[in-house]
């Protein structure tokens, strides 16, 4: 059985399984994307008709989903890609100017140079100092625990041992 692509007219609405097949993703994934879009746009009826609760997609919706999928393949966060495409914002790109050239090439987030970031946490020296303090505390607690255990052992030796079945005898 051969698989054929369904052509759509501008007024045709497709169910999730057919729309997902055209996008090249699973129907479950499309439903997940739709739920995210509905939450971001605060419009629970974005893809639903008034008659029933089934989601129906127009070719324009499919084009927007394709753009969002392309952005996610380039390294953009899924929620950001869906937000940008469904709100009509231009996709995130940067301009890369090559030396000795007059053309400007768009740079996608996946190929954009990563700027070095400053660490926000404690430095290694601070962590080492904290580790030394913790080790000293553990050693102190270990020493005190061993003292208590030694005292308990001495007390146990002092008491006369008697058979367990004579627990009532003093």
N, C-alpha and C. Protein backbone atom coordinates (compact mmCIF):
# COMPACT_ATOMS: atom_id res chain seq x y z
N UNK A 1 0.83 -1.15 0.00
CA UNK A 1 0.00 0.00 0.00
C UNK A 1 0.89 1.23 0.00
N UNK A 2 0.69 2.13 -0.93
CA UNK A 2 1.53 3.31 -1.03
C UNK A 2 0.92 4.43 -0.22
N UNK A 3 1.79 5.29 0.27
CA UNK A 3 1.34 6.40 1.09
C UNK A 3 1.26 7.63 0.20
N UNK A 4 0.14 8.32 0.22
CA UNK A 4 0.00 9.49 -0.62
C UNK A 4 -0.17 10.72 0.25
N UNK A 5 0.28 11.84 -0.27
CA UNK A 5 0.17 13.10 0.45
C UNK A 5 -1.19 13.70 0.16
N UNK A 6 -1.85 14.14 1.20
CA UNK A 6 -3.18 14.71 1.05
C UNK A 6 -3.01 16.19 0.73
N UNK A 7 -3.58 16.63 -0.37
CA UNK A 7 -3.53 18.05 -0.69
C UNK A 7 -4.71 18.73 -0.03
N UNK A 8 -4.48 19.93 0.45
CA UNK A 8 -5.51 20.62 1.18
C UNK A 8 -5.88 21.90 0.47
N UNK A 9 -7.13 22.24 0.57
CA UNK A 9 -7.61 23.51 0.05
C UNK A 9 -7.58 24.51 1.20
N UNK A 10 -7.57 25.82 0.94
CA UNK A 10 -7.49 26.80 2.02
C UNK A 10 -8.60 26.69 3.05
N UNK A 11 -9.79 26.21 2.68
CA UNK A 11 -10.89 26.12 3.62
C UNK A 11 -10.98 24.77 4.31
N UNK A 12 -10.18 23.81 3.90
CA UNK A 12 -10.23 22.47 4.46
C UNK A 12 -9.56 22.45 5.83
N UNK A 13 -10.21 21.77 6.76
CA UNK A 13 -9.61 21.58 8.08
C UNK A 13 -9.31 20.11 8.25
N UNK A 14 -8.15 19.83 8.80
CA UNK A 14 -7.69 18.45 8.94
C UNK A 14 -7.72 18.03 10.40
N UNK A 15 -7.98 16.75 10.63
CA UNK A 15 -7.90 16.20 11.98
C UNK A 15 -6.43 16.03 12.35
N UNK A 16 -6.17 15.81 13.61
CA UNK A 16 -4.80 15.77 14.11
C UNK A 16 -3.95 14.69 13.45
N UNK A 17 -4.51 13.53 13.21
CA UNK A 17 -3.70 12.44 12.64
C UNK A 17 -3.24 12.76 11.23
N UNK A 18 -4.12 13.35 10.42
CA UNK A 18 -3.77 13.69 9.03
C UNK A 18 -2.80 14.88 9.02
N UNK A 19 -3.07 15.87 9.86
CA UNK A 19 -2.19 17.04 9.93
C UNK A 19 -0.79 16.64 10.40
N UNK A 20 -0.72 15.75 11.38
CA UNK A 20 0.56 15.29 11.90
C UNK A 20 1.34 14.54 10.83
N UNK A 21 0.65 13.74 10.04
CA UNK A 21 1.30 13.00 8.97
C UNK A 21 1.92 13.97 7.96
N UNK A 22 1.22 15.07 7.65
CA UNK A 22 1.75 16.05 6.72
C UNK A 22 2.95 16.80 7.31
N UNK A 23 2.95 16.99 8.62
CA UNK A 23 4.08 17.65 9.27
C UNK A 23 5.26 16.72 9.49
N UNK A 24 5.00 15.43 9.41
CA UNK A 24 6.08 14.46 9.63
C UNK A 24 6.32 14.17 11.10
N UNK A 25 5.32 14.39 11.94
CA UNK A 25 5.43 14.10 13.37
C UNK A 25 4.26 13.21 13.77
N UNK A 26 4.28 12.73 14.99
CA UNK A 26 3.19 11.90 15.49
C UNK A 26 2.02 12.77 15.91
N UNK A 27 0.83 12.19 15.88
CA UNK A 27 -0.38 12.93 16.26
C UNK A 27 -0.32 13.36 17.72
N UNK A 28 0.26 12.54 18.57
CA UNK A 28 0.39 12.89 19.99
C UNK A 28 1.26 14.14 20.15
N UNK A 29 2.31 14.21 19.36
CA UNK A 29 3.20 15.36 19.42
C UNK A 29 2.48 16.62 18.97
N UNK A 30 1.71 16.51 17.91
CA UNK A 30 0.95 17.66 17.42
C UNK A 30 -0.06 18.12 18.47
N UNK A 31 -0.69 17.19 19.14
CA UNK A 31 -1.63 17.56 20.19
C UNK A 31 -0.92 18.26 21.34
N UNK A 32 0.28 17.80 21.67
CA UNK A 32 1.07 18.45 22.72
C UNK A 32 1.41 19.87 22.30
N UNK A 33 1.86 20.05 21.07
CA UNK A 33 2.19 21.39 20.56
C UNK A 33 0.94 22.27 20.60
N UNK A 34 -0.20 21.72 20.23
CA UNK A 34 -1.45 22.49 20.22
C UNK A 34 -1.82 22.94 21.62
N UNK A 35 -1.64 22.06 22.58
CA UNK A 35 -1.94 22.41 23.96
C UNK A 35 -1.05 23.55 24.43
N UNK A 36 0.24 23.49 24.08
CA UNK A 36 1.16 24.57 24.45
C UNK A 36 0.73 25.89 23.83
N UNK A 37 0.34 25.86 22.55
CA UNK A 37 -0.09 27.07 21.87
C UNK A 37 -1.35 27.62 22.52
N UNK A 38 -2.30 26.75 22.83
CA UNK A 38 -3.55 27.20 23.46
C UNK A 38 -3.28 27.85 24.81
N UNK A 39 -2.33 27.30 25.57
CA UNK A 39 -2.00 27.89 26.87
C UNK A 39 -1.29 29.22 26.70
N UNK A 40 -0.35 29.29 25.73
CA UNK A 40 0.39 30.52 25.53
C UNK A 40 -0.50 31.65 25.03
N UNK A 41 -1.44 31.32 24.16
CA UNK A 41 -2.33 32.34 23.60
C UNK A 41 -3.55 32.57 24.49
N UNK A 42 -3.69 31.74 25.52
CA UNK A 42 -4.84 31.81 26.42
C UNK A 42 -6.14 31.71 25.63
N UNK A 43 -6.16 30.77 24.69
CA UNK A 43 -7.33 30.57 23.83
C UNK A 43 -7.55 29.06 23.69
N UNK A 44 -8.41 28.51 24.53
CA UNK A 44 -8.66 27.07 24.54
C UNK A 44 -9.39 26.59 23.29
N UNK A 45 -9.98 27.49 22.53
CA UNK A 45 -10.72 27.09 21.34
C UNK A 45 -9.95 27.41 20.06
N UNK A 46 -8.66 27.58 20.15
CA UNK A 46 -7.84 27.96 18.99
C UNK A 46 -7.99 26.95 17.84
N UNK A 47 -7.90 25.68 18.13
CA UNK A 47 -7.97 24.65 17.11
C UNK A 47 -9.26 23.83 17.18
N UNK A 48 -10.16 24.19 18.04
CA UNK A 48 -11.38 23.41 18.24
C UNK A 48 -12.58 24.12 17.63
N UNK A 49 -13.49 23.33 17.11
CA UNK A 49 -14.72 23.89 16.58
C UNK A 49 -15.74 23.99 17.70
N UNK A 50 -16.81 24.72 17.45
CA UNK A 50 -17.84 24.88 18.47
C UNK A 50 -18.67 23.61 18.63
N UNK A 51 -18.71 22.80 17.58
CA UNK A 51 -19.56 21.61 17.60
C UNK A 51 -19.02 20.50 18.49
N UNK A 52 -17.71 20.25 18.40
CA UNK A 52 -17.16 19.14 19.17
C UNK A 52 -15.80 19.55 19.74
N UNK A 53 -15.20 18.66 20.45
CA UNK A 53 -13.93 18.99 21.10
C UNK A 53 -12.72 18.52 20.31
N UNK A 54 -12.91 18.03 19.09
CA UNK A 54 -11.80 17.58 18.28
C UNK A 54 -11.04 18.78 17.72
N UNK A 55 -9.73 18.66 17.68
CA UNK A 55 -8.92 19.73 17.11
C UNK A 55 -8.90 19.58 15.59
N UNK A 56 -9.06 20.67 14.91
CA UNK A 56 -8.99 20.71 13.46
C UNK A 56 -7.98 21.78 13.06
N UNK A 57 -7.17 21.48 12.05
CA UNK A 57 -6.07 22.35 11.66
C UNK A 57 -6.24 22.82 10.22
N UNK A 58 -6.00 24.10 9.99
CA UNK A 58 -6.05 24.66 8.65
C UNK A 58 -4.66 24.57 8.04
N UNK A 59 -4.55 24.72 6.72
CA UNK A 59 -3.22 24.74 6.10
C UNK A 59 -2.34 25.86 6.66
N UNK A 60 -2.94 26.99 7.02
CA UNK A 60 -2.16 28.08 7.62
C UNK A 60 -1.57 27.64 8.96
N UNK A 61 -2.36 26.90 9.75
CA UNK A 61 -1.85 26.37 11.02
C UNK A 61 -0.68 25.43 10.78
N UNK A 62 -0.80 24.59 9.76
CA UNK A 62 0.27 23.65 9.45
C UNK A 62 1.54 24.38 9.05
N UNK A 63 1.41 25.47 8.28
CA UNK A 63 2.58 26.24 7.89
C UNK A 63 3.26 26.85 9.12
N UNK A 64 2.46 27.32 10.07
CA UNK A 64 3.02 27.91 11.28
C UNK A 64 3.71 26.83 12.11
N UNK A 65 3.09 25.65 12.20
CA UNK A 65 3.74 24.55 12.92
C UNK A 65 5.04 24.14 12.24
N UNK A 66 5.07 24.13 10.92
CA UNK A 66 6.30 23.80 10.20
C UNK A 66 7.40 24.78 10.55
N UNK A 67 7.05 26.08 10.60
CA UNK A 67 8.04 27.09 10.96
C UNK A 67 8.55 26.88 12.38
N UNK A 68 7.66 26.52 13.29
CA UNK A 68 8.06 26.27 14.68
C UNK A 68 8.97 25.04 14.77
N UNK A 69 8.64 24.00 14.02
CA UNK A 69 9.46 22.78 14.02
C UNK A 69 10.84 23.09 13.47
N UNK A 70 10.90 23.91 12.42
CA UNK A 70 12.19 24.31 11.85
C UNK A 70 13.02 25.07 12.87
N UNK A 71 12.38 25.96 13.63
CA UNK A 71 13.11 26.70 14.65
C UNK A 71 13.65 25.78 15.74
N UNK A 72 12.85 24.78 16.13
CA UNK A 72 13.33 23.87 17.18
C UNK A 72 14.48 23.01 16.67
N UNK A 73 14.48 22.69 15.40
CA UNK A 73 15.60 21.92 14.83
C UNK A 73 16.87 22.76 14.80
N UNK A 74 16.72 24.09 14.81
CA UNK A 74 17.87 24.98 14.80
C UNK A 74 18.37 25.29 16.21
N UNK A 75 17.67 24.76 17.21
CA UNK A 75 18.15 24.91 18.57
C UNK A 75 17.33 25.83 19.45
N UNK A 76 16.22 26.35 18.95
CA UNK A 76 15.36 27.23 19.75
C UNK A 76 14.47 26.36 20.64
N UNK A 77 14.22 26.83 21.84
CA UNK A 77 13.34 26.16 22.78
C UNK A 77 11.95 26.00 22.15
N UNK A 78 11.28 24.88 22.40
CA UNK A 78 9.98 24.61 21.80
C UNK A 78 8.95 25.68 22.15
N UNK A 79 8.87 26.04 23.42
CA UNK A 79 7.88 27.04 23.84
C UNK A 79 8.16 28.39 23.17
N UNK A 80 9.42 28.75 23.05
CA UNK A 80 9.79 30.01 22.40
C UNK A 80 9.46 29.96 20.92
N UNK A 81 9.75 28.85 20.27
CA UNK A 81 9.47 28.72 18.84
C UNK A 81 7.98 28.82 18.57
N UNK A 82 7.18 28.13 19.36
CA UNK A 82 5.73 28.19 19.17
C UNK A 82 5.20 29.59 19.45
N UNK A 83 5.73 30.23 20.48
CA UNK A 83 5.30 31.58 20.81
C UNK A 83 5.64 32.55 19.68
N UNK A 84 6.84 32.44 19.14
CA UNK A 84 7.26 33.34 18.06
C UNK A 84 6.43 33.13 16.80
N UNK A 85 6.21 31.90 16.44
CA UNK A 85 5.51 31.64 15.19
C UNK A 85 4.02 31.95 15.28
N UNK A 86 3.38 31.64 16.39
CA UNK A 86 1.94 31.87 16.50
C UNK A 86 1.60 33.32 16.86
N UNK A 87 2.56 34.06 17.39
CA UNK A 87 2.32 35.47 17.67
C UNK A 87 2.79 36.36 16.53
N UNK A 88 3.28 35.75 15.46
CA UNK A 88 3.67 36.50 14.28
C UNK A 88 4.99 37.22 14.40
N UNK A 89 5.78 36.88 15.40
CA UNK A 89 7.08 37.51 15.54
C UNK A 89 8.06 36.89 14.56
N UNK A 90 9.07 37.66 14.19
CA UNK A 90 10.11 37.14 13.30
C UNK A 90 10.95 36.15 14.09
N UNK A 91 11.44 35.10 13.45
CA UNK A 91 12.26 34.14 14.16
C UNK A 91 13.56 34.78 14.64
N UNK A 92 14.09 34.23 15.74
CA UNK A 92 15.31 34.75 16.31
C UNK A 92 16.48 34.41 15.41
N UNK A 93 17.13 35.42 14.88
CA UNK A 93 18.34 35.23 14.09
C UNK A 93 19.28 36.37 14.40
N UNK A 94 20.53 36.16 14.15
CA UNK A 94 21.54 37.20 14.33
C UNK A 94 22.21 37.41 12.99
N UNK A 95 22.91 38.49 12.84
CA UNK A 95 23.61 38.75 11.59
C UNK A 95 25.07 38.43 11.76
N UNK A 96 25.63 37.72 10.80
CA UNK A 96 27.04 37.37 10.84
C UNK A 96 27.72 38.12 9.69
N UNK A 97 28.64 38.99 10.02
CA UNK A 97 29.35 39.76 9.01
C UNK A 97 30.71 39.13 8.84
N UNK A 98 30.99 38.71 7.63
CA UNK A 98 32.27 38.08 7.35
C UNK A 98 33.29 39.17 7.02
N UNK A 99 34.52 39.04 7.46
CA UNK A 99 35.53 40.04 7.15
C UNK A 99 35.78 40.08 5.65
N UNK A 100 36.09 41.26 5.15
CA UNK A 100 36.39 41.49 3.73
C UNK A 100 35.21 41.11 2.84
N UNK A 101 34.00 41.24 3.34
CA UNK A 101 32.83 40.93 2.53
C UNK A 101 31.77 41.99 2.80
N UNK A 102 30.93 42.22 1.85
CA UNK A 102 29.91 43.23 2.00
C UNK A 102 28.54 42.62 2.27
N UNK A 103 28.45 41.30 2.29
CA UNK A 103 27.16 40.66 2.51
C UNK A 103 26.99 40.31 3.98
N UNK A 104 25.77 40.30 4.40
CA UNK A 104 25.43 39.92 5.77
C UNK A 104 24.64 38.63 5.69
N UNK A 105 25.12 37.61 6.39
CA UNK A 105 24.46 36.30 6.37
C UNK A 105 23.68 36.14 7.67
N UNK A 106 22.44 35.66 7.57
CA UNK A 106 21.71 35.41 8.82
C UNK A 106 22.31 34.22 9.55
N UNK A 107 22.35 34.32 10.85
CA UNK A 107 22.89 33.26 11.69
C UNK A 107 21.75 32.72 12.54
N UNK A 108 21.54 31.44 12.47
CA UNK A 108 20.50 30.82 13.29
C UNK A 108 21.06 30.59 14.68
N UNK A 109 20.21 30.42 15.68
CA UNK A 109 20.69 30.22 17.05
C UNK A 109 21.60 29.00 17.19
N UNK A 110 21.42 27.99 16.34
CA UNK A 110 22.27 26.80 16.45
C UNK A 110 23.69 27.08 16.01
N UNK A 111 23.88 28.05 15.10
CA UNK A 111 25.22 28.35 14.60
C UNK A 111 25.76 29.64 15.17
N UNK A 112 25.00 30.33 16.00
CA UNK A 112 25.46 31.59 16.57
C UNK A 112 26.60 31.31 17.53
N UNK A 113 27.60 32.19 17.55
CA UNK A 113 28.71 31.99 18.48
C UNK A 113 28.22 32.16 19.91
N UNK A 114 28.74 31.33 20.77
CA UNK A 114 28.32 31.34 22.17
C UNK A 114 29.26 32.26 22.93
N UNK A 115 28.69 33.26 23.58
CA UNK A 115 29.49 34.19 24.37
C UNK A 115 29.81 33.55 25.71
N UNK A 116 31.04 33.74 26.20
CA UNK A 116 31.37 33.17 27.50
C UNK A 116 30.56 33.85 28.59
N UNK A 117 30.09 33.05 29.53
CA UNK A 117 29.28 33.59 30.62
C UNK A 117 30.07 33.51 31.91
N UNK A 118 29.76 34.40 32.81
CA UNK A 118 30.40 34.40 34.12
C UNK A 118 29.66 33.42 35.01
N UNK A 119 30.39 32.59 35.75
CA UNK A 119 29.72 31.67 36.65
C UNK A 119 28.99 32.44 37.75
N UNK A 120 27.82 31.99 38.10
CA UNK A 120 27.04 32.68 39.12
C UNK A 120 27.17 32.05 40.49
N UNK A 121 27.73 30.87 40.57
CA UNK A 121 27.84 30.17 41.84
C UNK A 121 29.14 30.49 42.55
N UNK A 122 29.40 29.81 43.65
CA UNK A 122 30.63 30.05 44.41
C UNK A 122 31.86 29.57 43.65
N UNK A 123 33.00 30.15 43.96
CA UNK A 123 34.24 29.77 43.31
C UNK A 123 34.76 28.47 43.91
N UNK A 124 35.79 27.93 43.29
CA UNK A 124 36.37 26.68 43.79
C UNK A 124 37.00 26.88 45.16
N UNK A 125 37.60 28.04 45.38
CA UNK A 125 38.23 28.31 46.68
C UNK A 125 37.17 28.35 47.79
N UNK A 126 36.03 28.98 47.51
CA UNK A 126 34.96 29.03 48.50
C UNK A 126 34.41 27.64 48.78
N UNK A 127 34.27 26.84 47.72
CA UNK A 127 33.78 25.47 47.91
C UNK A 127 34.77 24.64 48.71
N UNK A 128 36.05 24.81 48.47
CA UNK A 128 37.07 24.07 49.22
C UNK A 128 37.02 24.46 50.70
N UNK A 129 36.83 25.75 50.99
CA UNK A 129 36.75 26.20 52.38
C UNK A 129 35.52 25.60 53.07
N UNK A 130 34.39 25.59 52.38
CA UNK A 130 33.18 24.98 52.93
C UNK A 130 33.37 23.49 53.18
N UNK A 131 34.07 22.85 52.27
CA UNK A 131 34.32 21.41 52.41
C UNK A 131 35.19 21.14 53.64
N UNK A 132 36.22 21.96 53.87
CA UNK A 132 37.08 21.78 55.04
C UNK A 132 36.28 21.94 56.33
N UNK A 133 35.39 22.94 56.37
CA UNK A 133 34.56 23.16 57.56
C UNK A 133 33.67 21.95 57.82
N UNK A 134 33.07 21.41 56.77
CA UNK A 134 32.20 20.25 56.92
C UNK A 134 32.98 19.04 57.39
N UNK A 135 34.18 18.86 56.88
CA UNK A 135 35.01 17.72 57.29
C UNK A 135 35.37 17.83 58.76
N UNK A 136 35.73 19.06 59.22
CA UNK A 136 36.05 19.24 60.64
C UNK A 136 34.84 18.95 61.53
N UNK A 137 33.66 19.38 61.10
CA UNK A 137 32.45 19.11 61.88
C UNK A 137 32.18 17.61 61.97
N UNK A 138 32.34 16.92 60.84
CA UNK A 138 32.11 15.47 60.83
C UNK A 138 33.11 14.75 61.73
N UNK A 139 34.37 15.19 61.71
CA UNK A 139 35.37 14.57 62.58
C UNK A 139 35.03 14.78 64.05
N UNK A 140 34.57 15.99 64.39
CA UNK A 140 34.19 16.29 65.77
C UNK A 140 33.00 15.43 66.19
N UNK A 141 32.00 15.33 65.34
CA UNK A 141 30.84 14.50 65.66
C UNK A 141 31.23 13.03 65.78
N UNK A 142 32.12 12.56 64.94
CA UNK A 142 32.58 11.18 64.99
C UNK A 142 33.30 10.92 66.32
N UNK A 143 34.13 11.85 66.74
CA UNK A 143 34.87 11.69 67.99
C UNK A 143 33.89 11.61 69.17
N UNK A 144 32.92 12.54 69.21
CA UNK A 144 31.95 12.56 70.30
C UNK A 144 31.09 11.29 70.31
N UNK A 145 30.71 10.81 69.14
CA UNK A 145 29.93 9.58 69.06
C UNK A 145 30.72 8.39 69.58
N UNK A 146 32.01 8.34 69.26
CA UNK A 146 32.84 7.24 69.75
C UNK A 146 32.99 7.29 71.27
N UNK A 147 33.07 8.52 71.85
CA UNK A 147 33.13 8.64 73.30
C UNK A 147 31.86 8.09 73.95
N UNK A 148 30.71 8.43 73.39
CA UNK A 148 29.44 7.95 73.93
C UNK A 148 29.36 6.43 73.82
N UNK A 149 29.79 5.89 72.70
CA UNK A 149 29.76 4.43 72.53
C UNK A 149 30.69 3.74 73.51
N UNK A 150 31.85 4.33 73.79
CA UNK A 150 32.78 3.74 74.77
C UNK A 150 32.15 3.72 76.16
N UNK A 151 31.47 4.81 76.54
CA UNK A 151 30.81 4.86 77.84
C UNK A 151 29.72 3.80 77.94
N UNK A 152 28.97 3.64 76.88
CA UNK A 152 27.92 2.62 76.89
C UNK A 152 28.51 1.22 77.02
N UNK A 153 29.64 0.98 76.35
CA UNK A 153 30.30 -0.32 76.47
C UNK A 153 30.76 -0.56 77.90
N UNK A 154 31.32 0.49 78.57
CA UNK A 154 31.78 0.34 79.96
C UNK A 154 30.60 0.05 80.88
N UNK A 155 29.48 0.73 80.66
CA UNK A 155 28.31 0.50 81.49
C UNK A 155 27.77 -0.91 81.29
N UNK A 156 27.85 -1.40 80.10
CA UNK A 156 27.36 -2.75 79.83
C UNK A 156 28.24 -3.79 80.50
N UNK A 157 29.55 -3.53 80.60
CA UNK A 157 30.46 -4.48 81.25
C UNK A 157 30.22 -4.51 82.75
N UNK A 158 29.90 -3.36 83.32
CA UNK A 158 29.71 -3.26 84.76
C UNK A 158 28.49 -4.05 85.19
N UNK A 159 27.43 -3.96 84.46
CA UNK A 159 26.21 -4.67 84.82
C UNK A 159 26.44 -6.17 84.71
N UNK A 160 25.91 -6.86 85.70
CA UNK A 160 26.04 -8.31 85.69
C UNK A 160 25.12 -8.88 84.63
N UNK A 161 25.65 -9.76 83.88
CA UNK A 161 24.83 -10.38 82.84
C UNK A 161 24.12 -11.58 83.42
N UNK A 162 22.87 -11.72 83.08
CA UNK A 162 22.08 -12.85 83.51
C UNK A 162 21.35 -13.40 82.29
N UNK A 163 20.93 -14.63 82.35
CA UNK A 163 20.23 -15.23 81.21
C UNK A 163 18.95 -14.46 80.88
N UNK A 164 18.61 -14.46 79.66
CA UNK A 164 17.46 -13.68 79.18
C UNK A 164 16.15 -14.15 79.78
N UNK A 165 16.06 -15.43 80.13
CA UNK A 165 14.79 -15.96 80.65
C UNK A 165 14.58 -15.58 82.11
N UNK A 166 15.58 -14.98 82.73
CA UNK A 166 15.42 -14.56 84.11
C UNK A 166 15.25 -13.04 84.21
N UNK A 167 14.49 -12.49 83.28
CA UNK A 167 14.33 -11.04 83.24
C UNK A 167 13.59 -10.48 84.46
N UNK A 168 12.80 -11.36 85.14
CA UNK A 168 12.01 -10.88 86.29
C UNK A 168 12.86 -10.81 87.56
N UNK A 169 13.94 -11.55 87.58
CA UNK A 169 14.79 -11.58 88.77
C UNK A 169 15.67 -10.33 88.79
N UNK A 170 15.83 -9.79 90.00
CA UNK A 170 16.65 -8.58 90.12
C UNK A 170 17.99 -8.87 90.66
